[in-house]
Amino acid sequence: MQMGLYSFAENTTEHFSGRLQSPAERLADLLEEIELADQVGLDFYGLGEHHRPDFVASAPVTILAAAAARTRSIRLSTAVTILSSDEPIRVWQQFSTLDLISSGRAEIMAGRGSFVESFPLFGYDLNDYDDLFEEKLAKLLAIREAGKVDWPGSNHTKPIPGIEIYPKPIQQPLPLWIAVGGTPNSVARAAFYGLPLMLAIIGGNPRQFAPLVQFYRDSLEQLGKHTTIPVGISSHGFIAENSQDALDIAFPAHHEAMSRIGRERGWPPTTRAQFEVGAAPEGAYHMGSPQQIIDKILAQHELFRHDRFGLQLSVGTLPHDKVMKAIELYGTVVKPAVNKALGQT
């Protein structure tokens, strides 16, 4: 199973120091984190696209290109590219360029996004949320297949008469994943196009999501597509030498981040008790000691038989040295143990 990390590059006041980094400082730390993830043998790193003051990755492919020059093996992805408010031609050109810089390590992870700031920013109507994604995904797939834009147009895109797109990527085809938050329609769309599925599980009991993964695989079979197309699971988490340290380090930032989003969406503030339920063996979070993380990944593999696991480090702003230690433990302790248990090298 591939194991990696993803981040939204949050930049808020760090709880323990009371300090807010400059965007340049946050990006410098982020690049160090990606470089370490490569050094300890993690398989991929995903970077989310956001257009808010509390995040610094509004142009994630630019950051990933900088990371490509400092890494050797780790695959570099978005988590996610908000395709609905982007232009598929530019997405393709950016990732093709990243693929060339990284010697064939680029991946696109497309999704509708959990925030909506990009819609007014780029002049799109939120009422077209679903239609925009469907149309632009179809356009991106047409480019991916043919290497050119031969597009008839749609409600929100103009026709383009067979123009070649440059530069060409190394990978043929350039990997494209669909990220979903748990809606059956999104899962069905990934199956319809025969694309790998990345399912975010950030709350509740993971067992509740097993029918969605089975629905995806059943849909692939019914559509006559390969049922071995990869499935990934992503979750919030943090790792420290012992479980108490992991919870104590992660909770303040997690509480602040989730409560801030909750205020925007009408949710109540997150409590420590809720956080610890999420970190328990049946919860969605991967928070704890290396052995606890190993046990949870393996238990979920029994449920999902997934091919990829992505750990979000971190939810909220944590001390850089603590994040670096978590990455080290993940790559040097957790990943080898999971691979051994699954009979993988």
Protein backbone atom coordinates (compact mmCIF):
# COMPACT_ATOMS: atom_id res chain seq x y z
CA MET A 1 0.00 0.00 0.00
CA GLN A 2 1.27 3.46 -0.88
CA MET A 3 1.51 5.76 2.13
CA GLY A 4 1.90 9.49 2.04
CA LEU A 5 0.96 12.89 3.38
CA TYR A 6 -1.18 15.79 2.41
CA SER A 7 -1.44 19.33 3.71
CA PHE A 8 -3.57 22.42 3.21
CA ALA A 9 -0.57 24.61 4.13
CA GLU A 10 -2.51 26.31 6.88
CA ASN A 11 -0.88 29.41 8.33
CA THR A 12 -2.53 30.53 11.55
CA THR A 13 -1.22 31.52 14.96
CA GLU A 14 0.63 28.57 16.46
CA HIS A 15 -0.84 27.70 19.86
CA PHE A 16 2.31 26.89 21.82
CA SER A 17 4.43 29.87 20.74
CA GLY A 18 1.61 32.33 20.05
CA ARG A 19 3.39 33.27 16.83
CA LEU A 20 2.05 33.75 13.32
CA GLN A 21 4.62 32.98 10.62
CA SER A 22 5.01 35.08 7.52
CA PRO A 23 3.83 33.33 4.34
CA ALA A 24 7.48 33.01 3.25
CA GLU A 25 8.41 31.29 6.52
CA ARG A 26 5.47 28.92 6.26
CA LEU A 27 6.39 27.96 2.71
CA ALA A 28 10.01 27.37 3.73
CA ASP A 29 8.87 25.00 6.47
CA LEU A 30 6.48 23.27 4.08
CA LEU A 31 9.27 22.56 1.60
CA GLU A 32 11.41 21.13 4.41
CA GLU A 33 8.52 18.85 5.36
CA ILE A 34 8.10 17.57 1.80
CA GLU A 35 11.85 17.04 1.51
CA LEU A 36 11.90 15.00 4.72
CA ALA A 37 8.90 12.95 3.55
CA ASP A 38 10.93 12.02 0.49
CA GLN A 39 14.02 11.16 2.54
CA VAL A 40 12.13 8.79 4.88
CA GLY A 41 10.57 6.91 1.96
CA LEU A 42 6.99 8.12 1.87
CA ASP A 43 5.26 7.55 -1.45
CA PHE A 44 3.40 10.78 -2.17
CA TYR A 45 2.72 14.29 -0.96
CA GLY A 46 -0.52 16.15 -1.71
CA LEU A 47 -1.08 19.88 -1.36
CA GLY A 48 -4.52 21.45 -1.17
CA GLU A 49 -5.66 24.51 -3.11
CA HIS A 50 -7.25 27.26 -1.03
CA HIS A 51 -7.95 30.95 -1.57
CA ARG A 52 -8.29 32.15 2.01
CA PRO A 53 -6.12 34.20 4.38
CA ASP A 54 -5.51 31.20 6.65
CA PHE A 55 -3.76 29.13 3.94
CA VAL A 56 -0.73 29.83 1.75
CA ALA A 57 -1.27 27.34 -1.10
CA SER A 58 -3.43 29.21 -3.59
CA ALA A 59 -0.97 28.04 -6.30
CA PRO A 60 -0.05 24.51 -5.15
CA VAL A 61 1.60 23.41 -8.41
CA THR A 62 4.15 26.21 -8.03
CA ILE A 63 5.03 24.93 -4.55
CA LEU A 64 5.17 21.34 -5.78
CA ALA A 65 7.56 22.40 -8.55
CA ALA A 66 9.86 23.88 -5.91
CA ALA A 67 9.57 20.61 -3.96
CA ALA A 68 10.35 18.61 -7.10
CA ALA A 69 13.78 20.23 -7.29
CA ARG A 70 14.52 19.15 -3.70
CA THR A 71 13.23 15.57 -3.85
CA ARG A 72 14.05 12.39 -5.73
CA SER A 73 11.32 9.76 -5.42
CA ILE A 74 8.15 11.05 -3.77
CA ARG A 75 5.14 11.57 -6.02
CA LEU A 76 3.75 15.11 -6.02
CA SER A 77 0.03 15.79 -6.16
CA THR A 78 -2.60 18.34 -5.35
CA ALA A 79 -5.19 17.56 -2.69
CA VAL A 80 -7.20 18.89 -4.43
CA THR A 81 -7.21 20.94 -7.63
CA ILE A 82 -10.56 22.76 -7.61
CA LEU A 83 -11.38 21.91 -11.19
CA SER A 84 -14.79 23.61 -11.23
CA SER A 85 -13.22 27.07 -11.01
CA ASP A 86 -10.09 26.35 -13.05
CA GLU A 87 -9.32 26.02 -16.74
CA PRO A 88 -8.52 22.42 -17.76
CA ILE A 89 -6.01 23.55 -20.40
CA ARG A 90 -3.98 25.45 -17.81
CA VAL A 91 -4.31 22.58 -15.33
CA TRP A 92 -2.91 20.23 -17.95
CA GLN A 93 -0.04 22.57 -18.86
CA GLN A 94 0.91 23.13 -15.22
CA PHE A 95 0.95 19.44 -14.36
CA SER A 96 2.75 18.51 -17.56
CA THR A 97 5.43 21.02 -16.61
CA LEU A 98 5.57 19.63 -13.07
CA ASP A 99 5.90 16.15 -14.53
CA LEU A 100 8.91 17.26 -16.57
CA ILE A 101 10.57 19.03 -13.63
CA SER A 102 10.04 16.01 -11.35
CA SER A 103 11.12 13.40 -13.92
CA GLY A 104 7.66 11.83 -14.05
CA ARG A 105 6.33 12.18 -10.49
CA ALA A 106 3.33 14.48 -10.97
CA GLU A 107 -0.28 13.56 -10.26
CA ILE A 108 -3.52 15.48 -10.53
CA MET A 109 -6.09 15.01 -7.81
CA ALA A 110 -9.25 16.77 -8.89
CA GLY A 111 -12.21 17.59 -6.71
CA ARG A 112 -14.98 20.07 -6.14
CA GLY A 113 -13.30 21.44 -3.01
CA SER A 114 -14.58 21.89 0.52
CA PHE A 115 -14.43 25.71 0.35
CA VAL A 116 -16.09 27.98 -2.19
CA GLU A 117 -13.91 31.13 -2.27
CA SER A 118 -12.51 30.28 -5.69
CA PHE A 119 -15.95 30.63 -7.34
CA PRO A 120 -16.47 34.38 -6.86
CA LEU A 121 -12.71 34.95 -7.20
CA PHE A 122 -12.70 33.56 -10.74
CA GLY A 123 -16.17 34.74 -11.70
CA TYR A 124 -18.20 31.54 -11.37
CA ASP A 125 -21.71 31.07 -10.01
CA LEU A 126 -22.06 28.66 -7.08
CA ASN A 127 -25.39 27.55 -8.54
CA ASP A 128 -23.34 25.86 -11.27
CA TYR A 129 -21.21 23.95 -8.72
CA ASP A 130 -21.98 20.45 -10.02
CA ASP A 131 -22.29 21.27 -13.72
CA LEU A 132 -18.95 23.07 -13.78
CA PHE A 133 -17.11 20.10 -12.34
CA GLU A 134 -18.75 17.60 -14.68
CA GLU A 135 -18.02 19.66 -17.80
CA LYS A 136 -14.47 20.58 -16.90
CA LEU A 137 -13.60 17.03 -15.88
CA ALA A 138 -14.80 15.81 -19.26
CA LYS A 139 -12.69 18.46 -20.97
CA LEU A 140 -9.59 17.57 -18.92
CA LEU A 141 -10.04 13.89 -19.74
CA ALA A 142 -10.33 14.70 -23.43
CA ILE A 143 -7.03 16.60 -23.27
CA ARG A 144 -5.43 13.78 -21.27
CA GLU A 145 -6.43 11.22 -23.89
CA ALA A 146 -5.54 13.13 -27.04
CA GLY A 147 -2.90 15.67 -25.99
CA LYS A 148 -4.88 18.42 -27.65
CA VAL A 149 -8.09 20.38 -27.23
CA ASP A 150 -10.75 19.20 -29.67
CA TRP A 151 -13.72 20.31 -27.64
CA PRO A 152 -17.30 20.96 -28.79
CA GLY A 153 -18.04 23.32 -25.94
CA SER A 154 -20.63 23.05 -23.19
CA ASN A 155 -22.82 25.28 -21.06
CA HIS A 156 -19.79 26.82 -19.34
CA THR A 157 -16.94 26.21 -21.80
CA LYS A 158 -16.30 27.41 -25.33
CA PRO A 159 -15.57 25.15 -28.33
CA ILE A 160 -11.90 24.74 -29.30
CA PRO A 161 -11.06 23.17 -32.69
CA GLY A 162 -8.28 20.64 -32.16
CA ILE A 163 -5.33 22.67 -30.85
CA GLU A 164 -2.26 20.78 -29.55
CA ILE A 165 -1.27 21.37 -25.92
CA TYR A 166 2.36 21.81 -24.88
CA PRO A 167 4.53 20.72 -23.15
CA LYS A 168 3.85 16.99 -23.18
CA PRO A 169 4.26 15.13 -19.87
CA ILE A 170 6.60 12.21 -19.32
CA GLN A 171 3.88 9.95 -17.93
CA GLN A 172 1.37 8.62 -20.43
CA PRO A 173 -1.26 9.01 -19.25
CA LEU A 174 -0.65 11.60 -16.55
CA PRO A 175 -2.22 10.14 -13.37
CA LEU A 176 -5.56 11.65 -12.43
CA TRP A 177 -7.43 10.84 -9.20
CA ILE A 178 -10.90 11.94 -8.15
CA ALA A 179 -11.21 13.08 -4.53
CA VAL A 180 -14.59 12.69 -2.87
CA GLY A 181 -16.04 13.50 0.51
CA GLY A 182 -18.53 10.66 0.72
CA THR A 183 -21.40 11.44 -1.67
CA PRO A 184 -22.58 8.51 -3.84
CA ASN A 185 -22.85 10.71 -6.94
CA SER A 186 -19.17 11.64 -6.70
CA VAL A 187 -18.21 8.00 -6.24
CA ALA A 188 -20.34 7.02 -9.24
CA ARG A 189 -18.66 9.72 -11.35
CA ALA A 190 -15.19 8.35 -10.55
CA ALA A 191 -16.36 4.85 -11.52
CA PHE A 192 -18.00 6.07 -14.73
CA TYR A 193 -14.72 7.59 -15.91
CA GLY A 194 -12.64 4.70 -14.60
CA LEU A 195 -10.53 6.97 -12.41
CA PRO A 196 -8.85 6.17 -9.08
CA LEU A 197 -10.87 7.20 -6.05
CA MET A 198 -9.53 9.07 -3.00
CA LEU A 199 -12.09 9.04 -0.21
CA ALA A 200 -11.72 11.53 2.66
CA ILE A 201 -12.78 10.12 6.03
CA ILE A 202 -12.53 12.96 8.53
CA GLY A 203 -15.37 12.14 10.90
CA GLY A 204 -17.69 9.42 12.08
CA ASN A 205 -16.98 5.71 12.11
CA PRO A 206 -14.94 4.58 9.09
CA ARG A 207 -17.09 1.46 8.81
CA GLN A 208 -19.90 3.70 7.57
CA PHE A 209 -17.83 4.38 4.43
CA ALA A 210 -17.24 0.73 3.49
CA PRO A 211 -20.48 0.54 1.41
CA LEU A 212 -19.27 3.50 -0.68
CA VAL A 213 -16.03 1.74 -1.56
CA GLN A 214 -17.96 -1.40 -2.42
CA PHE A 215 -20.37 0.69 -4.51
CA TYR A 216 -17.40 2.08 -6.42
CA ARG A 217 -15.98 -1.38 -7.15
CA ASP A 218 -19.41 -2.78 -8.06
CA SER A 219 -19.95 0.16 -10.40
CA LEU A 220 -16.61 -0.44 -12.09
CA GLU A 221 -17.56 -4.06 -12.68
CA GLN A 222 -20.99 -3.17 -14.05
CA LEU A 223 -19.41 -0.63 -16.40
CA GLY A 224 -16.92 -3.20 -17.69
CA LYS A 225 -13.90 -1.40 -16.24
CA HIS A 226 -10.95 -2.79 -14.34
CA THR A 227 -11.96 -3.50 -10.75
CA THR A 228 -8.33 -3.11 -9.66
CA ILE A 229 -8.33 0.66 -10.22
CA PRO A 230 -6.78 2.08 -7.02
CA VAL A 231 -8.74 3.30 -4.03
CA GLY A 232 -7.24 5.67 -1.48
CA ILE A 233 -8.31 6.74 1.99
CA SER A 234 -7.30 10.05 3.56
CA SER A 235 -7.72 11.16 7.16
CA HIS A 236 -6.67 13.73 9.71
CA GLY A 237 -3.88 12.64 12.01
CA PHE A 238 -0.74 13.22 14.01
CA ILE A 239 2.02 10.97 15.34
CA ALA A 240 4.23 11.32 18.42
CA GLU A 241 6.33 8.93 20.48
CA ASN A 242 3.36 8.23 22.75
CA SER A 243 -0.37 8.67 22.46
CA GLN A 244 -0.73 11.32 25.16
CA ASP A 245 1.84 13.58 23.52
CA ALA A 246 0.18 13.12 20.14
CA LEU A 247 -3.22 14.17 21.50
CA ASP A 248 -1.86 17.05 23.57
CA ILE A 249 0.15 18.46 20.66
CA ALA A 250 -2.52 18.05 18.00
CA PHE A 251 -5.68 19.04 19.87
CA PRO A 252 -5.25 22.82 20.29
CA ALA A 253 -4.58 23.38 16.58
CA HIS A 254 -7.26 20.89 15.52
CA HIS A 255 -9.77 22.52 17.86
CA GLU A 256 -9.00 26.01 16.58
CA ALA A 257 -9.14 25.00 12.90
CA MET A 258 -12.31 22.93 13.07
CA SER A 259 -14.07 25.40 15.34
CA ARG A 260 -13.19 28.27 13.00
CA ILE A 261 -14.68 26.40 10.05
CA GLY A 262 -17.60 25.41 12.24
CA ARG A 263 -18.42 29.04 12.97
CA GLU A 264 -18.62 29.67 9.23
CA ARG A 265 -20.88 26.67 8.64
CA GLY A 266 -23.03 26.66 11.77
CA TRP A 267 -21.32 23.80 13.61
CA PRO A 268 -20.70 23.85 17.37
CA PRO A 269 -17.08 24.12 18.60
CA THR A 270 -15.06 20.91 18.72
CA THR A 271 -14.48 19.57 22.24
CA ARG A 272 -11.59 17.55 23.62
CA ALA A 273 -13.98 14.66 24.30
CA GLN A 274 -15.11 14.61 20.64
CA PHE A 275 -11.50 14.80 19.52
CA GLU A 276 -10.52 11.79 21.65
CA VAL A 277 -13.49 9.79 20.33
CA GLY A 278 -12.22 10.51 16.81
CA ALA A 279 -8.75 9.33 17.84
CA ALA A 280 -10.05 6.09 19.40
CA PRO A 281 -9.70 2.78 17.49
CA GLU A 282 -13.17 3.12 15.90
CA GLY A 283 -12.77 6.82 15.12
CA ALA A 284 -11.75 8.55 11.91
CA TYR A 285 -8.57 10.26 13.12
CA HIS A 286 -5.12 8.70 12.96
CA MET A 287 -3.79 10.33 16.13
CA GLY A 288 -1.44 8.58 18.50
CA SER A 289 1.75 6.59 18.88
CA PRO A 290 3.32 4.82 15.89
CA GLN A 291 1.81 1.50 16.99
CA GLN A 292 -1.66 3.00 17.26
CA ILE A 293 -1.36 4.39 13.74
CA ILE A 294 -0.11 1.05 12.44
CA ASP A 295 -3.03 -0.76 14.07
CA LYS A 296 -5.59 1.68 12.68
CA ILE A 297 -4.22 1.61 9.14
CA LEU A 298 -4.24 -2.20 9.15
CA ALA A 299 -7.74 -2.35 10.65
CA GLN A 300 -9.04 -0.03 7.95
CA HIS A 301 -7.27 -2.06 5.30
CA GLU A 302 -9.40 -4.99 6.40
CA LEU A 303 -12.45 -2.83 5.68
CA PHE A 304 -11.45 -1.15 2.44
CA ARG A 305 -8.58 -3.14 0.90
CA HIS A 306 -7.33 0.25 -0.23
CA ASP A 307 -4.17 0.87 -2.21
CA ARG A 308 -3.18 4.25 -0.79
CA PHE A 309 -3.40 6.02 2.55
CA GLY A 310 -2.95 9.77 3.00
CA LEU A 311 -2.38 11.34 6.40
CA GLN A 312 -3.18 15.03 6.78
CA LEU A 313 -0.41 16.74 8.72
CA SER A 314 -1.59 18.91 10.16
CA VAL A 315 -5.05 20.27 10.86
CA GLY A 316 -4.26 23.73 12.11
CA THR A 317 -0.75 25.11 12.61
CA LEU A 318 1.58 22.93 14.68
CA PRO A 319 5.22 23.51 15.71
CA HIS A 320 7.46 22.74 12.75
CA ASP A 321 9.77 20.49 14.78
CA LYS A 322 6.80 18.40 15.97
CA VAL A 323 5.56 17.98 12.40
CA MET A 324 9.03 16.97 11.27
CA LYS A 325 9.19 14.34 14.04
CA ALA A 326 5.76 13.03 13.04
CA ILE A 327 6.93 12.68 9.42
CA GLU A 328 10.05 10.83 10.58
CA LEU A 329 8.01 8.38 12.66
CA TYR A 330 5.54 7.86 9.84
CA GLY A 331 8.24 7.03 7.30
CA THR A 332 10.68 5.09 9.45
CA VAL A 333 8.37 3.22 11.84
CA VAL A 334 4.77 3.18 10.61
CA LYS A 335 5.27 2.60 6.90
CA PRO A 336 7.75 -0.31 7.22
CA ALA A 337 5.54 -2.03 9.78
CA VAL A 338 2.42 -1.70 7.64
CA ASN A 339 4.27 -2.97 4.56
CA LYS A 340 5.59 -5.96 6.51
CA ALA A 341 2.13 -6.81 7.85
CA LEU A 342 0.70 -6.65 4.33
CA GLY A 343 3.53 -8.71 2.88
CA GLN A 344 4.90 -5.83 0.84
CA THR A 345 8.44 -4.55 0.46
